[in-house]
Amino acid sequence: KIDEAIPLFEQMVNPPNPWSDFESRRWVYEGRAGLA
């Protein structure tokens, strides 16, 4: 279900809150990789 997965990875790439810890950043890494 690629078209359903893409918006979820997009949310990880553009999280709703500013980064305020490194754990938040690591999930952005994961989101970018999955979306790519």
PDB file of all heavy atoms in Angstrom:
ATOM      1  N   LYS A   1       0.849  -1.206   0.000  1.00  0.00           N
ATOM      2  CA  LYS A   1       0.000   0.000   0.000  1.00  0.00           C
ATOM      3  C   LYS A   1       0.881   1.251   0.000  1.00  0.00           C
ATOM      4  O   LYS A   1       0.915   2.033   0.955  1.00  0.00           O
ATOM      5  CB  LYS A   1      -0.929  -0.018   1.210  1.00  0.00           C
ATOM      6  CG  LYS A   1      -1.875  -1.214   1.237  1.00  0.00           C
ATOM      7  CD  LYS A   1      -2.730  -1.207   2.497  1.00  0.00           C
ATOM      8  CE  LYS A   1      -3.693  -2.396   2.532  1.00  0.00           C
ATOM      9  NZ  LYS A   1      -4.510  -2.406   3.777  1.00  0.00           N
ATOM     10  N   ILE A   2       1.585   1.440  -1.111  1.00  0.00           N
ATOM     11  CA  ILE A   2       2.588   2.502  -1.203  1.00  0.00           C
ATOM     12  C   ILE A   2       1.952   3.882  -1.046  1.00  0.00           C
ATOM     13  O   ILE A   2       2.489   4.751  -0.339  1.00  0.00           O
ATOM     14  CB  ILE A   2       3.336   2.417  -2.549  1.00  0.00           C
ATOM     15  CG1 ILE A   2       3.957   1.023  -2.724  1.00  0.00           C
ATOM     16  CG2 ILE A   2       4.382   3.506  -2.643  1.00  0.00           C
ATOM     17  CD1 ILE A   2       4.907   0.621  -1.631  1.00  0.00           C
ATOM     18  N   ASP A   3       0.815   4.098  -1.705  1.00  0.00           N
ATOM     19  CA  ASP A   3       0.193   5.420  -1.651  1.00  0.00           C
ATOM     20  C   ASP A   3      -0.316   5.764  -0.254  1.00  0.00           C
ATOM     21  O   ASP A   3      -0.465   6.953   0.081  1.00  0.00           O
ATOM     22  CB  ASP A   3      -0.959   5.502  -2.659  1.00  0.00           C
ATOM     23  CG  ASP A   3      -0.468   5.511  -4.100  1.00  0.00           C
ATOM     24  OD1 ASP A   3       0.711   5.885  -4.304  1.00  0.00           O
ATOM     25  OD2 ASP A   3      -1.236   5.139  -4.999  1.00  0.00           O
ATOM     26  N   GLU A   4      -0.583   4.757   0.570  1.00  0.00           N
ATOM     27  CA  GLU A   4      -0.984   5.017   1.955  1.00  0.00           C
ATOM     28  C   GLU A   4       0.241   5.228   2.854  1.00  0.00           C
ATOM     29  O   GLU A   4       0.158   5.924   3.873  1.00  0.00           O
ATOM     30  CB  GLU A   4      -1.825   3.862   2.493  1.00  0.00           C
ATOM     31  CG  GLU A   4      -3.181   3.722   1.808  1.00  0.00           C
ATOM     32  CD  GLU A   4      -3.999   2.573   2.378  1.00  0.00           C
ATOM     33  OE1 GLU A   4      -3.906   2.332   3.600  1.00  0.00           O
ATOM     34  OE2 GLU A   4      -4.709   1.909   1.599  1.00  0.00           O
ATOM     35  N   ALA A   5       1.351   4.644   2.481  1.00  0.00           N
ATOM     36  CA  ALA A   5       2.566   4.781   3.286  1.00  0.00           C
ATOM     37  C   ALA A   5       3.236   6.135   3.067  1.00  0.00           C
ATOM     38  O   ALA A   5       3.806   6.708   4.009  1.00  0.00           O
ATOM     39  CB  ALA A   5       3.545   3.663   2.947  1.00  0.00           C
ATOM     40  N   ILE A   6       3.178   6.662   1.853  1.00  0.00           N
ATOM     41  CA  ILE A   6       3.893   7.904   1.544  1.00  0.00           C
ATOM     42  C   ILE A   6       3.491   9.065   2.459  1.00  0.00           C
ATOM     43  O   ILE A   6       4.365   9.764   2.996  1.00  0.00           O
ATOM     44  CB  ILE A   6       3.724   8.264   0.049  1.00  0.00           C
ATOM     45  CG1 ILE A   6       4.611   7.339  -0.797  1.00  0.00           C
ATOM     46  CG2 ILE A   6       4.068   9.731  -0.217  1.00  0.00           C
ATOM     47  CD1 ILE A   6       4.470   7.515  -2.286  1.00  0.00           C
ATOM     48  N   PRO A   7       2.179   9.312   2.712  1.00  0.00           N
ATOM     49  CA  PRO A   7       1.840  10.426   3.619  1.00  0.00           C
ATOM     50  C   PRO A   7       2.382  10.244   5.035  1.00  0.00           C
ATOM     51  O   PRO A   7       2.698  11.235   5.708  1.00  0.00           O
ATOM     52  CB  PRO A   7       0.306  10.421   3.617  1.00  0.00           C
ATOM     53  CG  PRO A   7      -0.088   9.713   2.370  1.00  0.00           C
ATOM     54  CD  PRO A   7       0.976   8.706   2.131  1.00  0.00           C
ATOM     55  N   LEU A   8       2.506   9.000   5.478  1.00  0.00           N
ATOM     56  CA  LEU A   8       3.062   8.757   6.809  1.00  0.00           C
ATOM     57  C   LEU A   8       4.546   9.115   6.849  1.00  0.00           C
ATOM     58  O   LEU A   8       5.014   9.782   7.784  1.00  0.00           O
ATOM     59  CB  LEU A   8       2.851   7.296   7.202  1.00  0.00           C
ATOM     60  CG  LEU A   8       1.393   6.885   7.436  1.00  0.00           C
ATOM     61  CD1 LEU A   8       1.273   5.368   7.540  1.00  0.00           C
ATOM     62  CD2 LEU A   8       0.829   7.552   8.693  1.00  0.00           C
ATOM     63  N   PHE A   9       5.285   8.697   5.825  1.00  0.00           N
ATOM     64  CA  PHE A   9       6.694   9.081   5.764  1.00  0.00           C
ATOM     65  C   PHE A   9       6.846  10.592   5.578  1.00  0.00           C
ATOM     66  O   PHE A   9       7.778  11.205   6.108  1.00  0.00           O
ATOM     67  CB  PHE A   9       7.412   8.336   4.635  1.00  0.00           C
ATOM     68  CG  PHE A   9       7.766   6.913   4.971  1.00  0.00           C
ATOM     69  CD1 PHE A   9       7.385   5.872   4.147  1.00  0.00           C
ATOM     70  CD2 PHE A   9       8.488   6.610   6.119  1.00  0.00           C
ATOM     71  CE1 PHE A   9       7.706   4.555   4.450  1.00  0.00           C
ATOM     72  CE2 PHE A   9       8.820   5.293   6.435  1.00  0.00           C
ATOM     73  CZ  PHE A   9       8.426   4.268   5.597  1.00  0.00           C
ATOM     74  N   GLU A  10       5.943  11.210   4.815  1.00  0.00           N
ATOM     75  CA  GLU A  10       5.987  12.669   4.644  1.00  0.00           C
ATOM     76  C   GLU A  10       5.844  13.361   5.997  1.00  0.00           C
ATOM     77  O   GLU A  10       6.495  14.378   6.266  1.00  0.00           O
ATOM     78  CB  GLU A  10       4.866  13.134   3.704  1.00  0.00           C
ATOM     79  CG  GLU A  10       5.046  12.780   2.250  1.00  0.00           C
ATOM     80  CD  GLU A  10       5.962  13.745   1.501  1.00  0.00           C
ATOM     81  OE1 GLU A  10       6.661  14.551   2.161  1.00  0.00           O
ATOM     82  OE2 GLU A  10       5.991  13.679   0.254  1.00  0.00           O
ATOM     83  N   GLN A  11       4.966  12.825   6.853  1.00  0.00           N
ATOM     84  CA  GLN A  11       4.789  13.410   8.174  1.00  0.00           C
ATOM     85  C   GLN A  11       6.078  13.315   8.993  1.00  0.00           C
ATOM     86  O   GLN A  11       6.423  14.222   9.747  1.00  0.00           O
ATOM     87  CB  GLN A  11       3.651  12.710   8.917  1.00  0.00           C
ATOM     88  CG  GLN A  11       3.309  13.369  10.252  1.00  0.00           C
ATOM     89  CD  GLN A  11       2.189  12.661  10.977  1.00  0.00           C
ATOM     90  OE1 GLN A  11       1.946  11.473  10.762  1.00  0.00           O
ATOM     91  NE2 GLN A  11       1.482  13.382  11.825  1.00  0.00           N
ATOM     92  N   MET A  12       6.807  12.220   8.828  1.00  0.00           N
ATOM     93  CA  MET A  12       8.070  12.074   9.545  1.00  0.00           C
ATOM     94  C   MET A  12       9.116  13.050   9.039  1.00  0.00           C
ATOM     95  O   MET A  12       9.920  13.584   9.815  1.00  0.00           O
ATOM     96  CB  MET A  12       8.586  10.645   9.399  1.00  0.00           C
ATOM     97  CG  MET A  12       7.709   9.604  10.070  1.00  0.00           C
ATOM     98  SD  MET A  12       8.357   7.934   9.853  1.00  0.00           S
ATOM     99  CE  MET A  12       9.826   8.017  10.889  1.00  0.00           C
ATOM    100  N   VAL A  13       9.097  13.316   7.738  1.00  0.00           N
ATOM    101  CA  VAL A  13      10.059  14.254   7.156  1.00  0.00           C
ATOM    102  C   VAL A  13       9.744  15.685   7.585  1.00  0.00           C
ATOM    103  O   VAL A  13      10.656  16.507   7.772  1.00  0.00           O
ATOM    104  CB  VAL A  13      10.045  14.137   5.613  1.00  0.00           C
ATOM    105  CG1 VAL A  13      10.876  15.236   4.964  1.00  0.00           C
ATOM    106  CG2 VAL A  13      10.569  12.763   5.201  1.00  0.00           C
ATOM    107  N   ASN A  14       8.465  15.970   7.778  1.00  0.00           N
ATOM    108  CA  ASN A  14       8.033  17.321   8.165  1.00  0.00           C
ATOM    109  C   ASN A  14       7.232  17.239   9.460  1.00  0.00           C
ATOM    110  O   ASN A  14       6.008  17.423   9.465  1.00  0.00           O
ATOM    111  CB  ASN A  14       7.181  17.935   7.046  1.00  0.00           C
ATOM    112  CG  ASN A  14       7.926  18.028   5.740  1.00  0.00           C
ATOM    113  OD1 ASN A  14       8.858  18.798   5.610  1.00  0.00           O
ATOM    114  ND2 ASN A  14       7.540  17.205   4.768  1.00  0.00           N
ATOM    115  N   PRO A  15       7.899  16.945  10.592  1.00  0.00           N
ATOM    116  CA  PRO A  15       7.184  16.754  11.855  1.00  0.00           C
ATOM    117  C   PRO A  15       6.501  18.045  12.306  1.00  0.00           C
ATOM    118  O   PRO A  15       6.927  19.142  11.935  1.00  0.00           O
ATOM    119  CB  PRO A  15       8.284  16.336  12.830  1.00  0.00           C
ATOM    120  CG  PRO A  15       9.546  16.867  12.244  1.00  0.00           C
ATOM    121  CD  PRO A  15       9.363  16.827  10.760  1.00  0.00           C
ATOM    122  N   PRO A  16       5.437  17.928  13.113  1.00  0.00           N
ATOM    123  CA  PRO A  16       4.659  19.107  13.493  1.00  0.00           C
ATOM    124  C   PRO A  16       5.332  19.992  14.530  1.00  0.00           C
ATOM    125  O   PRO A  16       4.898  21.121  14.741  1.00  0.00           O
ATOM    126  CB  PRO A  16       3.372  18.496  14.069  1.00  0.00           C
ATOM    127  CG  PRO A  16       3.777  17.141  14.548  1.00  0.00           C
ATOM    128  CD  PRO A  16       4.828  16.684  13.600  1.00  0.00           C
ATOM    129  N   ASN A  17       6.378  19.503  15.190  1.00  0.00           N
ATOM    130  CA  ASN A  17       7.050  20.276  16.238  1.00  0.00           C
ATOM    131  C   ASN A  17       8.493  20.566  15.852  1.00  0.00           C
ATOM    132  O   ASN A  17       9.120  19.778  15.144  1.00  0.00           O
ATOM    133  CB  ASN A  17       7.038  19.498  17.557  1.00  0.00           C
ATOM    134  CG  ASN A  17       5.636  19.143  18.007  1.00  0.00           C
ATOM    135  OD1 ASN A  17       4.780  20.007  18.115  1.00  0.00           O
ATOM    136  ND2 ASN A  17       5.396  17.853  18.256  1.00  0.00           N
ATOM    137  N   PRO A  18       9.051  21.684  16.335  1.00  0.00           N
ATOM    138  CA  PRO A  18      10.487  21.919  16.110  1.00  0.00           C
ATOM    139  C   PRO A  18      11.302  20.814  16.768  1.00  0.00           C
ATOM    140  O   PRO A  18      10.908  20.252  17.785  1.00  0.00           O
ATOM    141  CB  PRO A  18      10.738  23.268  16.818  1.00  0.00           C
ATOM    142  CG  PRO A  18       9.398  23.884  17.001  1.00  0.00           C
ATOM    143  CD  PRO A  18       8.418  22.759  17.115  1.00  0.00           C
ATOM    144  N   TRP A  19      12.448  20.500  16.183  1.00  0.00           N
ATOM    145  CA  TRP A  19      13.336  19.525  16.804  1.00  0.00           C
ATOM    146  C   TRP A  19      13.803  20.063  18.144  1.00  0.00           C
ATOM    147  O   TRP A  19      14.305  21.177  18.241  1.00  0.00           O
ATOM    148  CB  TRP A  19      14.559  19.279  15.929  1.00  0.00           C
ATOM    149  CG  TRP A  19      14.292  18.453  14.725  1.00  0.00           C
ATOM    150  CD1 TRP A  19      13.394  17.443  14.607  1.00  0.00           C
ATOM    151  CD2 TRP A  19      14.929  18.568  13.449  1.00  0.00           C
ATOM    152  NE1 TRP A  19      13.434  16.914  13.343  1.00  0.00           N
ATOM    153  CE2 TRP A  19      14.365  17.589  12.614  1.00  0.00           C
ATOM    154  CE3 TRP A  19      15.920  19.392  12.941  1.00  0.00           C
ATOM    155  CZ2 TRP A  19      14.772  17.412  11.289  1.00  0.00           C
ATOM    156  CZ3 TRP A  19      16.316  19.222  11.633  1.00  0.00           C
ATOM    157  CH2 TRP A  19      15.752  18.246  10.826  1.00  0.00           C
ATOM    158  N   SER A  20      13.669  19.265  19.192  1.00  0.00           N
ATOM    159  CA  SER A  20      14.161  19.699  20.496  1.00  0.00           C
ATOM    160  C   SER A  20      14.921  18.587  21.190  1.00  0.00           C
ATOM    161  O   SER A  20      15.221  18.679  22.368  1.00  0.00           O
ATOM    162  CB  SER A  20      13.003  20.170  21.380  1.00  0.00           C
ATOM    163  OG  SER A  20      12.101  19.116  21.607  1.00  0.00           O
ATOM    164  N   ASP A  21      15.244  17.540  20.454  1.00  0.00           N
ATOM    165  CA  ASP A  21      16.108  16.485  20.972  1.00  0.00           C
ATOM    166  C   ASP A  21      16.602  15.677  19.785  1.00  0.00           C
ATOM    167  O   ASP A  21      16.072  15.758  18.684  1.00  0.00           O
ATOM    168  CB  ASP A  21      15.385  15.599  21.993  1.00  0.00           C
ATOM    169  CG  ASP A  21      14.144  14.941  21.414  1.00  0.00           C
ATOM    170  OD1 ASP A  21      14.298  14.072  20.530  1.00  0.00           O
ATOM    171  OD2 ASP A  21      13.032  15.287  21.842  1.00  0.00           O
ATOM    172  N   PHE A  22      17.645  14.905  20.010  1.00  0.00           N
ATOM    173  CA  PHE A  22      18.237  14.156  18.907  1.00  0.00           C
ATOM    174  C   PHE A  22      17.399  12.963  18.497  1.00  0.00           C
ATOM    175  O   PHE A  22      17.471  12.507  17.359  1.00  0.00           O
ATOM    176  CB  PHE A  22      19.659  13.725  19.276  1.00  0.00           C
ATOM    177  CG  PHE A  22      20.595  14.888  19.361  1.00  0.00           C
ATOM    178  CD1 PHE A  22      21.158  15.247  20.561  1.00  0.00           C
ATOM    179  CD2 PHE A  22      20.881  15.647  18.243  1.00  0.00           C
ATOM    180  CE1 PHE A  22      22.007  16.334  20.647  1.00  0.00           C
ATOM    181  CE2 PHE A  22      21.722  16.731  18.310  1.00  0.00           C
ATOM    182  CZ  PHE A  22      22.290  17.078  19.521  1.00  0.00           C
ATOM    183  N   GLU A  23      16.606  12.440  19.429  1.00  0.00           N
ATOM    184  CA  GLU A  23      15.738  11.321  19.074  1.00  0.00           C
ATOM    185  C   GLU A  23      14.725  11.757  18.021  1.00  0.00           C
ATOM    186  O   GLU A  23      14.389  11.004  17.106  1.00  0.00           O
ATOM    187  CB  GLU A  23      15.031  10.786  20.318  1.00  0.00           C
ATOM    188  CG  GLU A  23      14.353   9.452  20.125  1.00  0.00           C
ATOM    189  CD  GLU A  23      15.311   8.306  19.833  1.00  0.00           C
ATOM    190  OE1 GLU A  23      16.527   8.440  20.083  1.00  0.00           O
ATOM    191  OE2 GLU A  23      14.845   7.273  19.344  1.00  0.00           O
ATOM    192  N   SER A  24      14.246  13.013  18.115  1.00  0.00           N
ATOM    193  CA  SER A  24      13.345  13.530  17.081  1.00  0.00           C
ATOM    194  C   SER A  24      14.036  13.557  15.721  1.00  0.00           C
ATOM    195  O   SER A  24      13.448  13.209  14.698  1.00  0.00           O
ATOM    196  CB  SER A  24      12.890  14.954  17.448  1.00  0.00           C
ATOM    197  OG  SER A  24      12.176  14.973  18.651  1.00  0.00           O
ATOM    198  N   ARG A  25      15.300  13.962  15.724  1.00  0.00           N
ATOM    199  CA  ARG A  25      16.040  14.037  14.464  1.00  0.00           C
ATOM    200  C   ARG A  25      16.231  12.648  13.854  1.00  0.00           C
ATOM    201  O   ARG A  25      16.147  12.484  12.642  1.00  0.00           O
ATOM    202  CB  ARG A  25      17.391  14.719  14.687  1.00  0.00           C
ATOM    203  CG  ARG A  25      18.131  15.009  13.383  1.00  0.00           C
ATOM    204  CD  ARG A  25      19.475  15.638  13.624  1.00  0.00           C
ATOM    205  NE  ARG A  25      19.406  16.991  14.128  1.00  0.00           N
ATOM    206  CZ  ARG A  25      19.167  18.053  13.387  1.00  0.00           C
ATOM    207  NH1 ARG A  25      18.929  17.914  12.106  1.00  0.00           N
ATOM    208  NH2 ARG A  25      19.161  19.250  13.920  1.00  0.00           N
ATOM    209  N   ARG A  26      16.484  11.634  14.694  1.00  0.00           N
ATOM    210  CA  ARG A  26      16.725  10.300  14.126  1.00  0.00           C
ATOM    211  C   ARG A  26      15.486   9.799  13.402  1.00  0.00           C
ATOM    212  O   ARG A  26      15.585   9.100  12.393  1.00  0.00           O
ATOM    213  CB  ARG A  26      17.169   9.300  15.188  1.00  0.00           C
ATOM    214  CG  ARG A  26      16.122   8.924  16.194  1.00  0.00           C
ATOM    215  CD  ARG A  26      16.210   7.474  16.643  1.00  0.00           C
ATOM    216  NE  ARG A  26      15.766   6.597  15.601  1.00  0.00           N
ATOM    217  CZ  ARG A  26      16.363   5.456  15.266  1.00  0.00           C
ATOM    218  NH1 ARG A  26      17.418   5.062  15.919  1.00  0.00           N
ATOM    219  NH2 ARG A  26      15.891   4.699  14.292  1.00  0.00           N
ATOM    220  N   TRP A  27      14.286  10.166  13.880  1.00  0.00           N
ATOM    221  CA  TRP A  27      13.085   9.723  13.180  1.00  0.00           C
ATOM    222  C   TRP A  27      12.903  10.470  11.868  1.00  0.00           C
ATOM    223  O   TRP A  27      12.310   9.938  10.922  1.00  0.00           O
ATOM    224  CB  TRP A  27      11.861   9.863  14.082  1.00  0.00           C
ATOM    225  CG  TRP A  27      11.872   8.826  15.160  1.00  0.00           C
ATOM    226  CD1 TRP A  27      12.019   9.013  16.485  1.00  0.00           C
ATOM    227  CD2 TRP A  27      11.790   7.402  14.959  1.00  0.00           C
ATOM    228  NE1 TRP A  27      12.028   7.810  17.148  1.00  0.00           N
ATOM    229  CE2 TRP A  27      11.886   6.803  16.239  1.00  0.00           C
ATOM    230  CE3 TRP A  27      11.644   6.588  13.847  1.00  0.00           C
ATOM    231  CZ2 TRP A  27      11.841   5.424  16.418  1.00  0.00           C
ATOM    232  CZ3 TRP A  27      11.597   5.217  14.038  1.00  0.00           C
ATOM    233  CH2 TRP A  27      11.693   4.648  15.306  1.00  0.00           C
ATOM    234  N   VAL A  28      13.432  11.676  11.775  1.00  0.00           N
ATOM    235  CA  VAL A  28      13.425  12.366  10.485  1.00  0.00           C
ATOM    236  C   VAL A  28      14.343  11.642   9.505  1.00  0.00           C
ATOM    237  O   VAL A  28      14.019  11.490   8.325  1.00  0.00           O
ATOM    238  CB  VAL A  28      13.819  13.844  10.652  1.00  0.00           C
ATOM    239  CG1 VAL A  28      13.905  14.546   9.297  1.00  0.00           C
ATOM    240  CG2 VAL A  28      12.808  14.573  11.542  1.00  0.00           C
ATOM    241  N   TYR A  29      15.520  11.185   9.990  1.00  0.00           N
ATOM    242  CA  TYR A  29      16.393  10.358   9.137  1.00  0.00           C
ATOM    243  C   TYR A  29      15.610   9.168   8.578  1.00  0.00           C
ATOM    244  O   TYR A  29      15.663   8.862   7.376  1.00  0.00           O
ATOM    245  CB  TYR A  29      17.574   9.771   9.925  1.00  0.00           C
ATOM    246  CG  TYR A  29      18.547  10.702  10.572  1.00  0.00           C
ATOM    247  CD1 TYR A  29      19.272  10.291  11.687  1.00  0.00           C
ATOM    248  CD2 TYR A  29      18.791  11.974  10.079  1.00  0.00           C
ATOM    249  CE1 TYR A  29      20.197  11.107  12.299  1.00  0.00           C
ATOM    250  CE2 TYR A  29      19.710  12.812  10.690  1.00  0.00           C
ATOM    251  CZ  TYR A  29      20.407  12.373  11.803  1.00  0.00           C
ATOM    252  OH  TYR A  29      21.316  13.175  12.412  1.00  0.00           O
ATOM    253  N   GLU A  30      14.916   8.457   9.479  1.00  0.00           N
ATOM    254  CA  GLU A  30      14.179   7.261   9.072  1.00  0.00           C
ATOM    255  C   GLU A  30      13.085   7.619   8.071  1.00  0.00           C
ATOM    256  O   GLU A  30      12.848   6.888   7.099  1.00  0.00           O
ATOM    257  CB  GLU A  30      13.553   6.581  10.300  1.00  0.00           C
ATOM    258  CG  GLU A  30      14.536   6.110  11.346  1.00  0.00           C
ATOM    259  CD  GLU A  30      15.238   4.821  10.965  1.00  0.00           C
ATOM    260  OE1 GLU A  30      15.132   4.388   9.799  1.00  0.00           O
ATOM    261  OE2 GLU A  30      15.899   4.247  11.845  1.00  0.00           O
ATOM    262  N   GLY A  31      12.397   8.736   8.323  1.00  0.00           N
ATOM    263  CA  GLY A  31      11.338   9.156   7.409  1.00  0.00           C
ATOM    264  C   GLY A  31      11.869   9.479   6.026  1.00  0.00           C
ATOM    265  O   GLY A  31      11.277   9.091   5.003  1.00  0.00           O
ATOM    266  N   ARG A  32      12.992  10.199   5.974  1.00  0.00           N
ATOM    267  CA  ARG A  32      13.589  10.537   4.671  1.00  0.00           C
ATOM    268  C   ARG A  32      13.982   9.276   3.914  1.00  0.00           C
ATOM    269  O   ARG A  32      13.757   9.167   2.709  1.00  0.00           O
ATOM    270  CB  ARG A  32      14.823  11.419   4.874  1.00  0.00           C
ATOM    271  CG  ARG A  32      14.529  12.853   5.284  1.00  0.00           C
ATOM    272  CD  ARG A  32      15.778  13.694   5.059  1.00  0.00           C
ATOM    273  NE  ARG A  32      15.676  14.984   5.713  1.00  0.00           N
ATOM    274  CZ  ARG A  32      16.391  15.357   6.769  1.00  0.00           C
ATOM    275  NH1 ARG A  32      17.257  14.509   7.304  1.00  0.00           N
ATOM    276  NH2 ARG A  32      16.253  16.545   7.287  1.00  0.00           N
ATOM    277  N   ALA A  33      14.613   8.330   4.626  1.00  0.00           N
ATOM    278  CA  ALA A  33      15.058   7.096   3.966  1.00  0.00           C
ATOM    279  C   ALA A  33      13.862   6.319   3.424  1.00  0.00           C
ATOM    280  O   ALA A  33      13.869   5.866   2.268  1.00  0.00           O
ATOM    281  CB  ALA A  33      15.859   6.249   4.941  1.00  0.00           C
ATOM    282  N   GLY A  34      12.819   6.157   4.245  1.00  0.00           N
ATOM    283  CA  GLY A  34      11.643   5.420   3.791  1.00  0.00           C
ATOM    284  C   GLY A  34      10.942   6.096   2.642  1.00  0.00           C
ATOM    285  O   GLY A  34      10.532   5.444   1.661  1.00  0.00           O
ATOM    286  N   LEU A  35      10.803   7.408   2.722  1.00  0.00           N
ATOM    287  CA  LEU A  35      10.138   8.156   1.653  1.00  0.00           C
ATOM    288  C   LEU A  35      10.957   8.115   0.368  1.00  0.00           C
ATOM    289  O   LEU A  35      10.399   7.971  -0.732  1.00  0.00           O
ATOM    290  CB  LEU A  35       9.919   9.603   2.104  1.00  0.00           C
ATOM    291  CG  LEU A  35       9.181  10.513   1.128  1.00  0.00           C
ATOM    292  CD1 LEU A  35       7.795   9.969   0.796  1.00  0.00           C
ATOM    293  CD2 LEU A  35       9.058  11.931   1.710  1.00  0.00           C
ATOM    294  N   ALA A  36      12.281   8.229   0.498  1.00  0.00           N
ATOM    295  CA  ALA A  36      13.141   8.197  -0.688  1.00  0.00           C
ATOM    296  C   ALA A  36      12.956   6.907  -1.478  1.00  0.00           C
ATOM    297  O   ALA A  36      12.830   6.909  -2.707  1.00  0.00           O
ATOM    298  CB  ALA A  36      14.606   8.365  -0.276  1.00  0.00           C
TER     299      ALA A  36
END
